[in-house]
Amino acid sequence: MRMVIIYVDEREKGSGVPEKLKAMGLTVIFKMLPIGDYLIPDEIAIERKRIDDFVSSIFDGRLFNQAKKLVENYPKPVMIVEGDLNIARKITSRWSSVIGALISLSLDFNIPILYTSNTQETAELIKHIAIREHRRKEKRASVVINKKPRLAETHEWQEYIVQSLPYVGPKLARRLLNHFGSVYRIFNATVSELAKVEGLGEKRASEIVRIIRAQYKPTSEVDKVKKLTSFLEE
């Protein structure tokens, strides 16, 4: 298995988790992340919260603002709550608000909530998520599509073509086609025009436009190493 990279927010340096990830053999790159604490390229963003911070973030408004940004910018957001949940009963008398927040994250924002006891368990959990995602990408990259599907109707071909775009599944493909009216208009849309469609934030829209307009140039292994080295030297 090749190098597994995790981008870590600078503010997590003192938590102890990044050092444990390094000790487990993962490559940790510190950056000022605008969203989330840990980023597993390019889809999974993890927000780590100690139980005391989780509780305080409910009442100061940070929690749901962070949750909103996570789902708008990443297809696979994850929330890790670290510590004994029963401590929340001692921190606040408003236990029902804590339960309500957990329910809202799960049902309203569709964010998985994972629980750990300490930084060691948190690091192990992040490691397993990163390795699983890395293997999934390697497997996906090795799959070769030998033939196109048998589609009879024009709208089926249109949906098939639009689904080839990053972050776009069947439902979003139909939503884009209903909004723009044709594949041609989708492929010629601007970032701001795409971002208006429900399910596409500005970050995903930017990536779609970048890929559509980029000059075709296959990346060699040498180029990949150079790109990583350049990033590390920034």
C-alpha atoms as a PDB file:
ATOM      1  CA  MET A   1       0.000   0.000   0.000  1.00  0.00           C
ATOM      2  CA  ARG A   2       1.251   3.442  -0.929  1.00  0.00           C
ATOM      3  CA  MET A   3       1.653   6.440   1.354  1.00  0.00           C
ATOM      4  CA  VAL A   4      -1.525   7.384   3.237  1.00  0.00           C
ATOM      5  CA  ILE A   5      -1.784  11.152   3.691  1.00  0.00           C
ATOM      6  CA  ILE A   6      -3.888  13.045   6.216  1.00  0.00           C
ATOM      7  CA  TYR A   7      -4.101  16.846   6.272  1.00  0.00           C
ATOM      8  CA  VAL A   8      -4.374  18.153   9.826  1.00  0.00           C
ATOM      9  CA  ASP A   9      -5.462  21.586  10.970  1.00  0.00           C
ATOM     10  CA  GLU A  10      -2.666  23.576  12.633  1.00  0.00           C
ATOM     11  CA  ARG A  11      -4.836  24.016  15.727  1.00  0.00           C
ATOM     12  CA  GLU A  12      -4.786  20.254  16.327  1.00  0.00           C
ATOM     13  CA  LYS A  13      -1.017  20.181  16.909  1.00  0.00           C
ATOM     14  CA  GLY A  14      -1.333  20.206  20.676  1.00  0.00           C
ATOM     15  CA  SER A  15      -4.075  17.571  20.868  1.00  0.00           C
ATOM     16  CA  GLY A  16      -1.711  14.601  20.727  1.00  0.00           C
ATOM     17  CA  VAL A  17      -3.655  12.938  17.913  1.00  0.00           C
ATOM     18  CA  PRO A  18      -1.315  13.933  15.024  1.00  0.00           C
ATOM     19  CA  GLU A  19       1.731  12.470  16.814  1.00  0.00           C
ATOM     20  CA  LYS A  20      -0.123   9.202  17.326  1.00  0.00           C
ATOM     21  CA  LEU A  21      -1.077   9.134  13.635  1.00  0.00           C
ATOM     22  CA  LYS A  22       2.578   9.617  12.687  1.00  0.00           C
ATOM     23  CA  ALA A  23       3.592   6.789  15.027  1.00  0.00           C
ATOM     24  CA  MET A  24       1.078   4.564  13.227  1.00  0.00           C
ATOM     25  CA  GLY A  25       2.866   5.174   9.926  1.00  0.00           C
ATOM     26  CA  LEU A  26       0.577   7.760   8.365  1.00  0.00           C
ATOM     27  CA  THR A  27       1.888  10.895   6.656  1.00  0.00           C
ATOM     28  CA  VAL A  28       0.610  13.975   8.481  1.00  0.00           C
ATOM     29  CA  ILE A  29       0.656  17.359   6.746  1.00  0.00           C
ATOM     30  CA  PHE A  30      -0.264  20.403   8.837  1.00  0.00           C
ATOM     31  CA  LYS A  31      -2.292  23.130   7.125  1.00  0.00           C
ATOM     32  CA  MET A  32      -4.735  25.810   8.203  1.00  0.00           C
ATOM     33  CA  LEU A  33      -7.928  24.013   7.249  1.00  0.00           C
ATOM     34  CA  PRO A  34     -10.935  26.335   6.828  1.00  0.00           C
ATOM     35  CA  ILE A  35     -13.304  23.450   7.580  1.00  0.00           C
ATOM     36  CA  GLY A  36     -12.792  20.408   9.793  1.00  0.00           C
ATOM     37  CA  ASP A  37      -9.814  19.208  11.798  1.00  0.00           C
ATOM     38  CA  TYR A  38      -8.683  16.258   9.655  1.00  0.00           C
ATOM     39  CA  LEU A  39      -8.987  15.927   5.892  1.00  0.00           C
ATOM     40  CA  ILE A  40      -8.573  12.630   4.073  1.00  0.00           C
ATOM     41  CA  PRO A  41      -8.137  13.649   0.429  1.00  0.00           C
ATOM     42  CA  ASP A  42     -10.374  14.535  -1.199  1.00  0.00           C
ATOM     43  CA  GLU A  43     -13.749  13.608   0.208  1.00  0.00           C
ATOM     44  CA  ILE A  44     -13.690  12.978   3.968  1.00  0.00           C
ATOM     45  CA  ALA A  45     -13.576  15.863   6.445  1.00  0.00           C
ATOM     46  CA  ILE A  46     -13.487  15.007  10.145  1.00  0.00           C
ATOM     47  CA  GLU A  47     -14.458  17.393  12.921  1.00  0.00           C
ATOM     48  CA  ARG A  48     -13.032  16.243  16.277  1.00  0.00           C
ATOM     49  CA  LYS A  49     -14.650  17.520  19.442  1.00  0.00           C
ATOM     50  CA  ARG A  50     -13.863  16.724  23.048  1.00  0.00           C
ATOM     51  CA  ILE A  51     -17.076  16.266  24.991  1.00  0.00           C
ATOM     52  CA  ASP A  52     -16.688  19.603  26.804  1.00  0.00           C
ATOM     53  CA  ASP A  53     -16.131  21.468  23.526  1.00  0.00           C
ATOM     54  CA  PHE A  54     -19.045  19.597  21.942  1.00  0.00           C
ATOM     55  CA  VAL A  55     -21.389  20.797  24.678  1.00  0.00           C
ATOM     56  CA  SER A  56     -20.159  24.414  24.603  1.00  0.00           C
ATOM     57  CA  SER A  57     -20.392  24.499  20.793  1.00  0.00           C
ATOM     58  CA  ILE A  58     -24.099  23.621  21.009  1.00  0.00           C
ATOM     59  CA  PHE A  59     -24.889  26.692  23.079  1.00  0.00           C
ATOM     60  CA  ASP A  60     -22.567  29.209  21.417  1.00  0.00           C
ATOM     61  CA  GLY A  61     -23.837  28.325  17.932  1.00  0.00           C
ATOM     62  CA  ARG A  62     -20.608  26.892  16.508  1.00  0.00           C
ATOM     63  CA  LEU A  63     -21.778  23.297  16.167  1.00  0.00           C
ATOM     64  CA  PHE A  64     -24.492  23.723  13.568  1.00  0.00           C
ATOM     65  CA  ASN A  65     -22.522  26.343  11.641  1.00  0.00           C
ATOM     66  CA  GLN A  66     -19.619  23.882  11.394  1.00  0.00           C
ATOM     67  CA  ALA A  67     -21.993  21.069  10.441  1.00  0.00           C
ATOM     68  CA  LYS A  68     -23.497  23.191   7.665  1.00  0.00           C
ATOM     69  CA  LYS A  69     -20.061  24.002   6.225  1.00  0.00           C
ATOM     70  CA  LEU A  70     -18.994  20.355   6.397  1.00  0.00           C
ATOM     71  CA  VAL A  71     -21.954  19.073   4.377  1.00  0.00           C
ATOM     72  CA  GLU A  72     -21.726  21.941   1.880  1.00  0.00           C
ATOM     73  CA  ASN A  73     -18.070  21.331   1.078  1.00  0.00           C
ATOM     74  CA  TYR A  74     -17.410  17.608   1.528  1.00  0.00           C
ATOM     75  CA  PRO A  75     -19.370  14.560   0.363  1.00  0.00           C
ATOM     76  CA  LYS A  76     -18.359  12.552   3.451  1.00  0.00           C
ATOM     77  CA  PRO A  77     -18.323  14.635   6.640  1.00  0.00           C
ATOM     78  CA  VAL A  78     -17.693  12.879   9.964  1.00  0.00           C
ATOM     79  CA  MET A  79     -17.995  14.075  13.572  1.00  0.00           C
ATOM     80  CA  ILE A  80     -15.859  12.441  16.285  1.00  0.00           C
ATOM     81  CA  VAL A  81     -16.985  13.069  19.872  1.00  0.00           C
ATOM     82  CA  GLU A  82     -14.126  12.262  22.224  1.00  0.00           C
ATOM     83  CA  GLY A  83     -14.717  11.495  25.897  1.00  0.00           C
ATOM     84  CA  ASP A  84     -17.421  10.128  28.179  1.00  0.00           C
ATOM     85  CA  LEU A  85     -20.824  11.372  27.035  1.00  0.00           C
ATOM     86  CA  ASN A  86     -22.063  11.202  30.633  1.00  0.00           C
ATOM     87  CA  ILE A  87     -19.717  14.091  31.444  1.00  0.00           C
ATOM     88  CA  ALA A  88     -22.151  16.279  29.503  1.00  0.00           C
ATOM     89  CA  ARG A  89     -24.694  15.782  32.300  1.00  0.00           C
ATOM     90  CA  LYS A  90     -22.230  17.360  34.727  1.00  0.00           C
ATOM     91  CA  ILE A  91     -21.313  20.219  32.392  1.00  0.00           C
ATOM     92  CA  THR A  92     -24.885  21.314  31.669  1.00  0.00           C
ATOM     93  CA  SER A  93     -28.338  20.812  33.101  1.00  0.00           C
ATOM     94  CA  ARG A  94     -29.766  21.054  29.596  1.00  0.00           C
ATOM     95  CA  TRP A  95     -29.222  17.386  28.716  1.00  0.00           C
ATOM     96  CA  SER A  96     -32.191  17.393  26.342  1.00  0.00           C
ATOM     97  CA  SER A  97     -30.376  19.999  24.216  1.00  0.00           C
ATOM     98  CA  VAL A  98     -27.367  17.698  23.936  1.00  0.00           C
ATOM     99  CA  ILE A  99     -29.579  14.806  22.813  1.00  0.00           C
ATOM    100  CA  GLY A 100     -31.375  17.127  20.389  1.00  0.00           C
ATOM    101  CA  ALA A 101     -28.050  18.220  18.870  1.00  0.00           C
ATOM    102  CA  LEU A 102     -26.932  14.615  18.358  1.00  0.00           C
ATOM    103  CA  ILE A 103     -30.242  13.784  16.679  1.00  0.00           C
ATOM    104  CA  SER A 104     -30.058  16.866  14.459  1.00  0.00           C
ATOM    105  CA  LEU A 105     -26.508  16.066  13.311  1.00  0.00           C
ATOM    106  CA  SER A 106     -27.564  12.545  12.374  1.00  0.00           C
ATOM    107  CA  LEU A 107     -30.981  13.188  10.821  1.00  0.00           C
ATOM    108  CA  ASP A 108     -30.923  16.799   9.601  1.00  0.00           C
ATOM    109  CA  PHE A 109     -27.296  17.011   8.457  1.00  0.00           C
ATOM    110  CA  ASN A 110     -26.683  13.289   7.738  1.00  0.00           C
ATOM    111  CA  ILE A 111     -23.339  13.459   9.544  1.00  0.00           C
ATOM    112  CA  PRO A 112     -22.151  10.182  11.110  1.00  0.00           C
ATOM    113  CA  ILE A 113     -21.188  10.625  14.768  1.00  0.00           C
ATOM    114  CA  LEU A 114     -18.404   8.362  16.043  1.00  0.00           C
ATOM    115  CA  TYR A 115     -17.500   8.116  19.724  1.00  0.00           C
ATOM    116  CA  THR A 116     -14.060   7.574  21.229  1.00  0.00           C
ATOM    117  CA  SER A 117     -12.785   7.508  24.832  1.00  0.00           C
ATOM    118  CA  ASN A 118      -9.457   9.288  24.348  1.00  0.00           C
ATOM    119  CA  THR A 119      -6.907  10.601  21.837  1.00  0.00           C
ATOM    120  CA  GLN A 120      -5.475   7.119  21.263  1.00  0.00           C
ATOM    121  CA  GLU A 121      -8.853   5.763  20.178  1.00  0.00           C
ATOM    122  CA  THR A 122      -9.423   8.872  18.065  1.00  0.00           C
ATOM    123  CA  ALA A 123      -6.115   8.372  16.249  1.00  0.00           C
ATOM    124  CA  GLU A 124      -6.869   4.682  15.665  1.00  0.00           C
ATOM    125  CA  LEU A 125     -10.305   5.538  14.290  1.00  0.00           C
ATOM    126  CA  ILE A 126      -8.920   8.184  11.919  1.00  0.00           C
ATOM    127  CA  LYS A 127      -6.200   5.766  10.806  1.00  0.00           C
ATOM    128  CA  HIS A 128      -8.747   3.080   9.900  1.00  0.00           C
ATOM    129  CA  ILE A 129     -10.913   5.600   8.033  1.00  0.00           C
ATOM    130  CA  ALA A 130      -7.889   6.863   6.071  1.00  0.00           C
ATOM    131  CA  ILE A 131      -6.645   3.386   5.156  1.00  0.00           C
ATOM    132  CA  ARG A 132     -10.139   2.267   4.144  1.00  0.00           C
ATOM    133  CA  GLU A 133     -10.559   5.327   1.911  1.00  0.00           C
ATOM    134  CA  HIS A 134      -7.069   4.855   0.432  1.00  0.00           C
ATOM    135  CA  ARG A 135      -7.784   1.221  -0.456  1.00  0.00           C
ATOM    136  CA  ARG A 136     -11.173   2.137  -1.891  1.00  0.00           C
ATOM    137  CA  LYS A 137      -9.533   4.675  -4.206  1.00  0.00           C
ATOM    138  CA  GLU A 138      -6.847   2.221  -5.271  1.00  0.00           C
ATOM    139  CA  LYS A 139      -9.501  -0.364  -6.071  1.00  0.00           C
ATOM    140  CA  ARG A 140     -11.594   2.170  -7.968  1.00  0.00           C
ATOM    141  CA  ALA A 141      -8.549   3.315  -9.956  1.00  0.00           C
ATOM    142  CA  SER A 142      -7.803  -0.261 -10.992  1.00  0.00           C
ATOM    143  CA  VAL A 143     -11.285  -0.855 -12.414  1.00  0.00           C
ATOM    144  CA  VAL A 144     -11.448  -0.598 -16.201  1.00  0.00           C
ATOM    145  CA  ILE A 145     -14.804  -0.047 -17.850  1.00  0.00           C
ATOM    146  CA  ASN A 146     -14.770  -2.258 -20.943  1.00  0.00           C
ATOM    147  CA  LYS A 147     -18.116  -1.319 -22.399  1.00  0.00           C
ATOM    148  CA  LYS A 148     -20.775   1.337 -22.085  1.00  0.00           C
ATOM    149  CA  PRO A 149     -24.169   0.477 -20.620  1.00  0.00           C
ATOM    150  CA  ARG A 150     -27.071  -0.321 -22.932  1.00  0.00           C
ATOM    151  CA  LEU A 151     -29.220   2.772 -22.766  1.00  0.00           C
ATOM    152  CA  ALA A 152     -32.170   3.295 -25.059  1.00  0.00           C
ATOM    153  CA  GLU A 153     -33.519   6.749 -24.199  1.00  0.00           C
ATOM    154  CA  THR A 154     -31.853  10.126 -24.693  1.00  0.00           C
ATOM    155  CA  HIS A 155     -32.523  11.153 -21.096  1.00  0.00           C
ATOM    156  CA  GLU A 156     -30.759   7.985 -19.890  1.00  0.00           C
ATOM    157  CA  TRP A 157     -27.613   8.899 -21.821  1.00  0.00           C
ATOM    158  CA  GLN A 158     -27.807  12.457 -20.497  1.00  0.00           C
ATOM    159  CA  GLU A 159     -28.036  11.240 -16.906  1.00  0.00           C
ATOM    160  CA  TYR A 160     -25.191   8.770 -17.522  1.00  0.00           C
ATOM    161  CA  ILE A 161     -22.916  11.505 -18.909  1.00  0.00           C
ATOM    162  CA  VAL A 162     -23.637  13.976 -16.094  1.00  0.00           C
ATOM    163  CA  GLN A 163     -23.036  11.280 -13.456  1.00  0.00           C
ATOM    164  CA  SER A 164     -19.469  10.991 -14.738  1.00  0.00           C
ATOM    165  CA  LEU A 165     -18.746  14.354 -13.087  1.00  0.00           C
ATOM    166  CA  PRO A 166     -17.155  14.305  -9.599  1.00  0.00           C
ATOM    167  CA  TYR A 167     -19.558  14.307  -6.624  1.00  0.00           C
ATOM    168  CA  VAL A 168     -22.549  13.716  -8.935  1.00  0.00           C
ATOM    169  CA  GLY A 169     -24.802  10.720  -8.345  1.00  0.00           C
ATOM    170  CA  PRO A 170     -28.115   9.794 -10.037  1.00  0.00           C
ATOM    171  CA  LYS A 171     -30.297  12.206  -8.037  1.00  0.00           C
ATOM    172  CA  LEU A 172     -27.979  15.181  -8.437  1.00  0.00           C
ATOM    173  CA  ALA A 173     -27.556  14.409 -12.154  1.00  0.00           C
ATOM    174  CA  ARG A 174     -31.321  14.650 -12.658  1.00  0.00           C
ATOM    175  CA  ARG A 175     -31.434  17.807 -10.545  1.00  0.00           C
ATOM    176  CA  LEU A 176     -28.723  19.426 -12.693  1.00  0.00           C
ATOM    177  CA  LEU A 177     -30.454  18.430 -15.921  1.00  0.00           C
ATOM    178  CA  ASN A 178     -33.796  19.768 -14.709  1.00  0.00           C
ATOM    179  CA  HIS A 179     -32.127  23.022 -13.686  1.00  0.00           C
ATOM    180  CA  PHE A 180     -30.039  23.630 -16.831  1.00  0.00           C
ATOM    181  CA  GLY A 181     -32.098  21.746 -19.411  1.00  0.00           C
ATOM    182  CA  SER A 182     -29.224  20.051 -21.257  1.00  0.00           C
ATOM    183  CA  VAL A 183     -25.812  18.439 -20.859  1.00  0.00           C
ATOM    184  CA  TYR A 184     -24.326  21.212 -22.995  1.00  0.00           C
ATOM    185  CA  ARG A 185     -25.512  23.948 -20.605  1.00  0.00           C
ATOM    186  CA  ILE A 186     -24.207  22.038 -17.575  1.00  0.00           C
ATOM    187  CA  PHE A 187     -20.774  21.646 -19.144  1.00  0.00           C
ATOM    188  CA  ASN A 188     -20.665  25.339 -20.004  1.00  0.00           C
ATOM    189  CA  ALA A 189     -21.990  26.634 -16.684  1.00  0.00           C
ATOM    190  CA  THR A 190     -19.934  28.856 -14.416  1.00  0.00           C
ATOM    191  CA  VAL A 191     -19.025  28.031 -10.840  1.00  0.00           C
ATOM    192  CA  SER A 192     -21.654  30.403  -9.450  1.00  0.00           C
ATOM    193  CA  GLU A 193     -24.338  28.937 -11.717  1.00  0.00           C
ATOM    194  CA  LEU A 194     -23.546  25.358 -10.666  1.00  0.00           C
ATOM    195  CA  ALA A 195     -23.315  26.297  -6.972  1.00  0.00           C
ATOM    196  CA  LYS A 196     -26.960  27.403  -7.027  1.00  0.00           C
ATOM    197  CA  VAL A 197     -28.116  23.804  -7.538  1.00  0.00           C
ATOM    198  CA  GLU A 198     -29.070  22.055  -4.312  1.00  0.00           C
ATOM    199  CA  GLY A 199     -26.377  19.558  -3.302  1.00  0.00           C
ATOM    200  CA  LEU A 200     -23.484  21.426  -4.920  1.00  0.00           C
ATOM    201  CA  GLY A 201     -21.519  23.889  -2.807  1.00  0.00           C
ATOM    202  CA  GLU A 202     -19.070  26.333  -4.314  1.00  0.00           C
ATOM    203  CA  LYS A 203     -16.103  24.037  -3.583  1.00  0.00           C
ATOM    204  CA  ARG A 204     -17.592  21.103  -5.507  1.00  0.00           C
ATOM    205  CA  ALA A 205     -18.799  23.383  -8.309  1.00  0.00           C
ATOM    206  CA  SER A 206     -15.282  24.808  -8.648  1.00  0.00           C
ATOM    207  CA  GLU A 207     -13.795  21.335  -8.916  1.00  0.00           C
ATOM    208  CA  ILE A 208     -16.316  20.310 -11.589  1.00  0.00           C
ATOM    209  CA  VAL A 209     -15.572  23.423 -13.672  1.00  0.00           C
ATOM    210  CA  ARG A 210     -11.825  22.909 -13.223  1.00  0.00           C
ATOM    211  CA  ILE A 211     -12.011  19.337 -14.510  1.00  0.00           C
ATOM    212  CA  ILE A 212     -14.259  20.208 -17.452  1.00  0.00           C
ATOM    213  CA  ARG A 213     -11.993  23.034 -18.620  1.00  0.00           C
ATOM    214  CA  ALA A 214      -8.580  21.551 -17.781  1.00  0.00           C
ATOM    215  CA  GLN A 215      -6.202  20.614 -20.595  1.00  0.00           C
ATOM    216  CA  TYR A 216      -5.878  16.822 -20.822  1.00  0.00           C
ATOM    217  CA  LYS A 217      -2.499  15.782 -19.448  1.00  0.00           C
ATOM    218  CA  PRO A 218      -2.074  12.331 -17.839  1.00  0.00           C
ATOM    219  CA  THR A 219      -0.083  12.527 -14.597  1.00  0.00           C
ATOM    220  CA  SER A 220       2.995  10.313 -14.419  1.00  0.00           C
ATOM    221  CA  GLU A 221       4.291   8.858 -11.156  1.00  0.00           C
ATOM    222  CA  VAL A 222       7.225  11.270 -11.332  1.00  0.00           C
ATOM    223  CA  ASP A 223       4.847  14.229 -11.593  1.00  0.00           C
ATOM    224  CA  LYS A 224       2.863  12.963  -8.590  1.00  0.00           C
ATOM    225  CA  VAL A 225       5.995  12.810  -6.452  1.00  0.00           C
ATOM    226  CA  LYS A 226       7.071  16.304  -7.573  1.00  0.00           C
ATOM    227  CA  LYS A 227       3.631  17.718  -6.766  1.00  0.00           C
ATOM    228  CA  LEU A 228       3.655  16.208  -3.272  1.00  0.00           C
ATOM    229  CA  THR A 229       7.208  17.393  -2.599  1.00  0.00           C
ATOM    230  CA  SER A 230       6.302  20.921  -3.708  1.00  0.00           C
ATOM    231  CA  PHE A 231       3.270  20.913  -1.400  1.00  0.00           C
ATOM    232  CA  LEU A 232       5.339  19.775   1.574  1.00  0.00           C
ATOM    233  CA  GLU A 233       7.861  22.570   1.001  1.00  0.00           C
ATOM    234  CA  GLU A 234       5.229  25.323   1.077  1.00  0.00           C
END
